[in-house]
Every structure is written in C-alpha cells, then in structure tokens.
Amino acid sequence: MRRSSEAERPLRSSLRLPLLICAVLGACGGPGAVGRSASVECAPFARALTGVPLSGAAADWWWQAEGRLRRARQPEVGSVLVFRRSGRLPDGHVAVVSRVVSARRIKVTQANWVHHRVTEDQPVIDVSGRGDWSEVRVWWAPSGEMGKTDYPTFGFIRPDRPMRRDQLVAATPWAIRTAASGR
C-alpha cells in the first residue's frame, strides 16, 4: 500500500470541498432546486413573465382581472395561479404555471416563495376536496419535500397570449431583470 507524500496531502484535501460542492449541486436538478438568486417580488416577476397587465398586492390580481382577463379553475401552461391572503401570505402570492403534470399536479415558476429566489418547475398539488384548485400545497425547496401548509387560492388568470413552456423558460432571465429594475 502506497503512502501519500506530504506534497499530495494538501492537494487531496483541497479537492474535497469542490467535489462536495459538485455532489451537492448535482442533486439540485430535481424539484428541490432552490433556483436563481433574485431580489424580486412575486407580482412584478409574474407580470414581467406573462405580460398580465395587473399590479399591486398579488391577492388583488383576481379582482383586477375580472372583466379584463379570463379567469379559470383549471390550470394551463402560462396561466397565473393567484393565492388568497392568509396568515402566512398577508398579500397573497402569484405563480406562473410552467407545466401541467396531471389534473391535480402542476409545476410553477415563481419569485420569492423562497426568500430572494426565483424557483422554476416547483411542484404544486391541488388538495381541495372538489378538485377545483381552491386549496394547494407547494414544494418547499429548503426541506426538499412538499410543504405541509394548505394555501387557499382563487384560481388561474389566463394571459391574452399564454406562453408555451419553452417560451417561459427562455423568458425567465429577462423577467427577473425587468422585475428587479422596476419596469
């Protein structure tokens, strides 16, 4: 058995941290991925990503959309899921549907669900009794599992021109920059 020389030991030790970082980051490709660092709020980000001409508190978007945009109870890619106000979400929340997985499962791209992060393709499940998306649970990336809290929602707002998934992915960096600049 060959012993390490003194010169090899620091090299071997210096490789441990980068290898550990690579292993950890390699595990970040799934739904537990924390996403892109961005100090933007959910409403300006969703507006920039979808072109929905609404502003103010996220929960107010539902009422602002009445008569202006189509509102629905079922998700479509590119639609905006509007969360009601609650103890945990005093201003509500909005998230953009990036995939429809099944009748009760979607994935969303959203800002600030995880503080100062834009998370992409995060799972959301419908936990409502009637299957009408009036109550959901959202993936909590820091724990690497579905959240335990049930959040009340209004439903989905459909942009005039909903985007396809590939368009949402391509537009996300631009939407982050736009929301961060306040435009």
Protein backbone atom coordinates (compact mmCIF):
# COMPACT_ATOMS: atom_id res chain seq x y z
CA MET A 1 0.00 0.00 0.00
CA ARG A 2 1.43 3.33 -1.10
CA ARG A 3 1.50 6.14 1.44
CA SER A 4 0.68 9.72 0.45
CA SER A 5 3.55 12.07 0.35
CA GLU A 6 3.37 15.33 2.26
CA ALA A 7 3.04 17.18 -1.06
CA GLU A 8 -0.01 15.11 -2.09
CA ARG A 9 -1.97 15.60 1.15
CA PRO A 10 -2.84 19.32 0.71
CA LEU A 11 -3.85 18.67 -2.90
CA ARG A 12 -6.14 15.82 -1.86
CA SER A 13 -7.65 17.98 0.93
CA SER A 14 -8.12 20.92 -1.40
CA LEU A 15 -10.11 18.72 -3.80
CA ARG A 16 -12.61 17.60 -1.15
CA LEU A 17 -14.56 20.86 -0.94
CA PRO A 18 -15.00 21.32 -4.73
CA LEU A 19 -16.04 17.65 -5.06
CA LEU A 20 -18.52 18.04 -2.20
CA ILE A 21 -19.94 21.19 -3.80
CA CYS A 22 -20.31 19.39 -7.14
CA ALA A 23 -22.09 16.48 -5.46
CA VAL A 24 -24.49 18.80 -3.67
CA LEU A 25 -25.16 20.89 -6.77
CA GLY A 26 -25.67 17.77 -8.84
CA ALA A 27 -28.58 16.90 -6.57
CA CYS A 28 -30.18 20.27 -7.24
CA GLY A 29 -31.68 19.34 -10.58
CA GLY A 30 -34.90 17.93 -9.12
CA PRO A 31 -37.89 19.69 -7.64
CA GLY A 32 -35.83 20.61 -4.61
CA ALA A 33 -33.74 23.05 -6.63
CA VAL A 34 -33.69 26.43 -4.96
CA GLY A 35 -33.41 28.36 -8.22
CA ARG A 36 -31.90 31.64 -9.29
CA SER A 37 -30.90 34.25 -6.77
CA ALA A 38 -33.05 37.32 -7.36
CA SER A 39 -34.35 40.01 -5.07
CA VAL A 40 -37.75 40.39 -6.75
CA GLU A 41 -41.30 40.05 -5.51
CA CYS A 42 -43.77 37.56 -6.97
CA ALA A 43 -46.18 40.06 -8.58
CA PRO A 44 -43.68 42.12 -10.63
CA PHE A 45 -41.95 38.90 -11.71
CA ALA A 46 -45.22 37.21 -12.80
CA ARG A 47 -46.28 40.39 -14.63
CA ALA A 48 -42.95 40.58 -16.48
CA LEU A 49 -43.01 36.86 -17.34
CA THR A 50 -46.62 36.66 -18.57
CA GLY A 51 -47.46 40.18 -19.72
CA VAL A 52 -50.56 40.20 -17.47
CA PRO A 53 -51.32 43.94 -17.01
CA LEU A 54 -52.06 43.78 -13.27
CA SER A 55 -50.26 45.33 -10.32
CA GLY A 56 -50.42 45.75 -6.57
CA ALA A 57 -50.77 43.01 -3.98
CA ALA A 58 -50.85 39.55 -5.51
CA ALA A 59 -54.20 38.61 -3.93
CA ASP A 60 -55.82 41.66 -5.57
CA TRP A 61 -54.98 40.39 -9.05
CA TRP A 62 -58.03 38.12 -9.02
CA TRP A 63 -60.43 41.04 -8.67
CA GLN A 64 -58.45 43.26 -11.05
CA ALA A 65 -58.67 40.57 -13.73
CA GLU A 66 -62.48 40.48 -13.63
CA GLY A 67 -63.82 41.70 -16.97
CA ARG A 68 -60.27 42.21 -18.31
CA LEU A 69 -58.78 38.73 -18.47
CA ARG A 70 -60.19 35.23 -18.45
CA ARG A 71 -60.26 33.55 -15.04
CA ALA A 72 -60.44 29.78 -14.63
CA ARG A 73 -60.47 26.97 -12.09
CA GLN A 74 -58.17 24.66 -14.09
CA PRO A 75 -54.50 25.28 -14.89
CA GLU A 76 -52.93 25.89 -18.30
CA VAL A 77 -49.27 26.47 -19.05
CA GLY A 78 -48.64 30.20 -18.89
CA SER A 79 -51.58 30.95 -16.58
CA VAL A 80 -51.10 32.68 -13.22
CA LEU A 81 -52.17 30.89 -10.03
CA VAL A 82 -53.47 33.51 -7.55
CA PHE A 83 -53.20 32.74 -3.83
CA ARG A 84 -55.60 34.34 -1.37
CA ARG A 85 -54.43 36.35 1.59
CA SER A 86 -53.69 34.25 4.68
CA GLY A 87 -51.72 34.47 7.90
CA ARG A 88 -48.61 33.28 6.08
CA LEU A 89 -49.34 35.28 2.92
CA PRO A 90 -50.72 38.67 4.01
CA ASP A 91 -50.55 40.00 0.41
CA GLY A 92 -51.32 36.69 -1.28
CA HIS A 93 -48.96 35.24 -3.86
CA VAL A 94 -48.85 34.60 -7.61
CA ALA A 95 -47.04 31.85 -9.51
CA VAL A 96 -46.86 31.06 -13.22
CA VAL A 97 -47.80 27.54 -14.38
CA SER A 98 -44.83 26.05 -16.22
CA ARG A 99 -46.22 22.51 -16.61
CA VAL A 100 -49.50 20.68 -16.14
CA VAL A 101 -48.49 17.26 -14.86
CA SER A 102 -51.97 15.86 -14.15
CA ALA A 103 -55.45 17.02 -13.13
CA ARG A 104 -54.19 17.75 -9.61
CA ARG A 105 -50.48 18.39 -10.11
CA ILE A 106 -48.71 21.29 -11.77
CA LYS A 107 -45.28 22.87 -11.73
CA VAL A 108 -44.78 26.60 -11.34
CA THR A 109 -42.13 29.23 -11.79
CA GLN A 110 -42.34 31.87 -9.07
CA ALA A 111 -40.43 34.58 -7.29
CA ASN A 112 -39.89 34.93 -3.57
CA TRP A 113 -41.59 31.73 -2.38
CA VAL A 114 -38.11 31.00 -1.11
CA HIS A 115 -36.83 34.39 0.04
CA HIS A 116 -34.84 36.18 -2.70
CA ARG A 117 -35.12 33.28 -5.14
CA VAL A 118 -36.87 32.61 -8.41
CA THR A 119 -37.74 28.93 -8.38
CA GLU A 120 -38.56 27.09 -11.58
CA ASP A 121 -40.70 23.99 -12.10
CA GLN A 122 -41.66 23.71 -8.44
CA PRO A 123 -44.42 21.16 -7.76
CA VAL A 124 -47.84 22.34 -6.59
CA ILE A 125 -50.68 19.94 -5.79
CA ASP A 126 -54.40 20.54 -5.55
CA VAL A 127 -55.56 19.39 -2.10
CA SER A 128 -59.10 20.80 -2.36
CA GLY A 129 -61.99 18.46 -1.65
CA ARG A 130 -63.61 19.12 -5.03
CA GLY A 131 -60.50 19.10 -7.18
CA ASP A 132 -61.07 22.75 -8.13
CA TRP A 133 -57.66 24.16 -7.17
CA SER A 134 -59.16 26.24 -4.34
CA GLU A 135 -56.53 24.89 -1.93
CA VAL A 136 -52.96 23.84 -2.71
CA ARG A 137 -49.69 22.69 -1.22
CA VAL A 138 -46.40 23.93 -2.60
CA TRP A 139 -42.97 22.30 -2.75
CA TRP A 140 -40.64 23.71 -0.10
CA ALA A 141 -37.16 23.55 -1.61
CA PRO A 142 -35.21 24.17 1.63
CA SER A 143 -36.63 20.95 3.11
CA GLY A 144 -36.61 19.03 -0.17
CA GLU A 145 -40.24 17.97 0.19
CA MET A 146 -43.83 19.07 -0.30
CA GLY A 147 -44.86 21.76 2.15
CA LYS A 148 -47.25 20.85 4.96
CA THR A 149 -49.40 24.01 4.78
CA ASP A 150 -52.60 24.17 2.73
CA TYR A 151 -52.91 27.55 0.98
CA PRO A 152 -56.25 28.91 -0.26
CA THR A 153 -56.31 30.14 -3.86
CA PHE A 154 -58.74 31.94 -6.16
CA GLY A 155 -57.80 30.10 -9.33
CA PHE A 156 -55.93 30.89 -12.53
CA ILE A 157 -55.72 34.04 -14.64
CA ARG A 158 -55.14 33.45 -18.33
CA PRO A 159 -52.93 35.95 -20.16
CA ASP A 160 -54.19 37.17 -23.53
CA ARG A 161 -51.36 35.21 -25.14
CA PRO A 162 -50.23 32.36 -22.86
CA MET A 163 -46.69 31.17 -23.43
CA ARG A 164 -45.53 27.64 -24.06
CA ARG A 165 -43.16 26.06 -21.56
CA ASP A 166 -40.09 26.63 -23.74
CA GLN A 167 -41.03 30.32 -24.06
CA LEU A 168 -41.42 30.64 -20.27
CA VAL A 169 -38.01 29.07 -19.69
CA ALA A 170 -36.38 31.38 -22.25
CA ALA A 171 -38.13 34.49 -20.86
CA THR A 172 -37.34 33.86 -17.17
CA PRO A 173 -33.94 35.66 -17.08
CA TRP A 174 -35.46 38.68 -18.85
CA ALA A 175 -38.43 38.69 -16.43
CA ILE A 176 -36.05 38.64 -13.46
CA ARG A 177 -34.09 41.63 -14.82
CA THR A 178 -37.30 43.50 -15.68
CA ALA A 179 -38.90 42.91 -12.26
CA ALA A 180 -35.67 43.84 -10.47
CA SER A 181 -35.39 47.10 -12.41
CA GLY A 182 -38.95 48.10 -11.51
CA ARG A 183 -40.10 48.34 -15.15
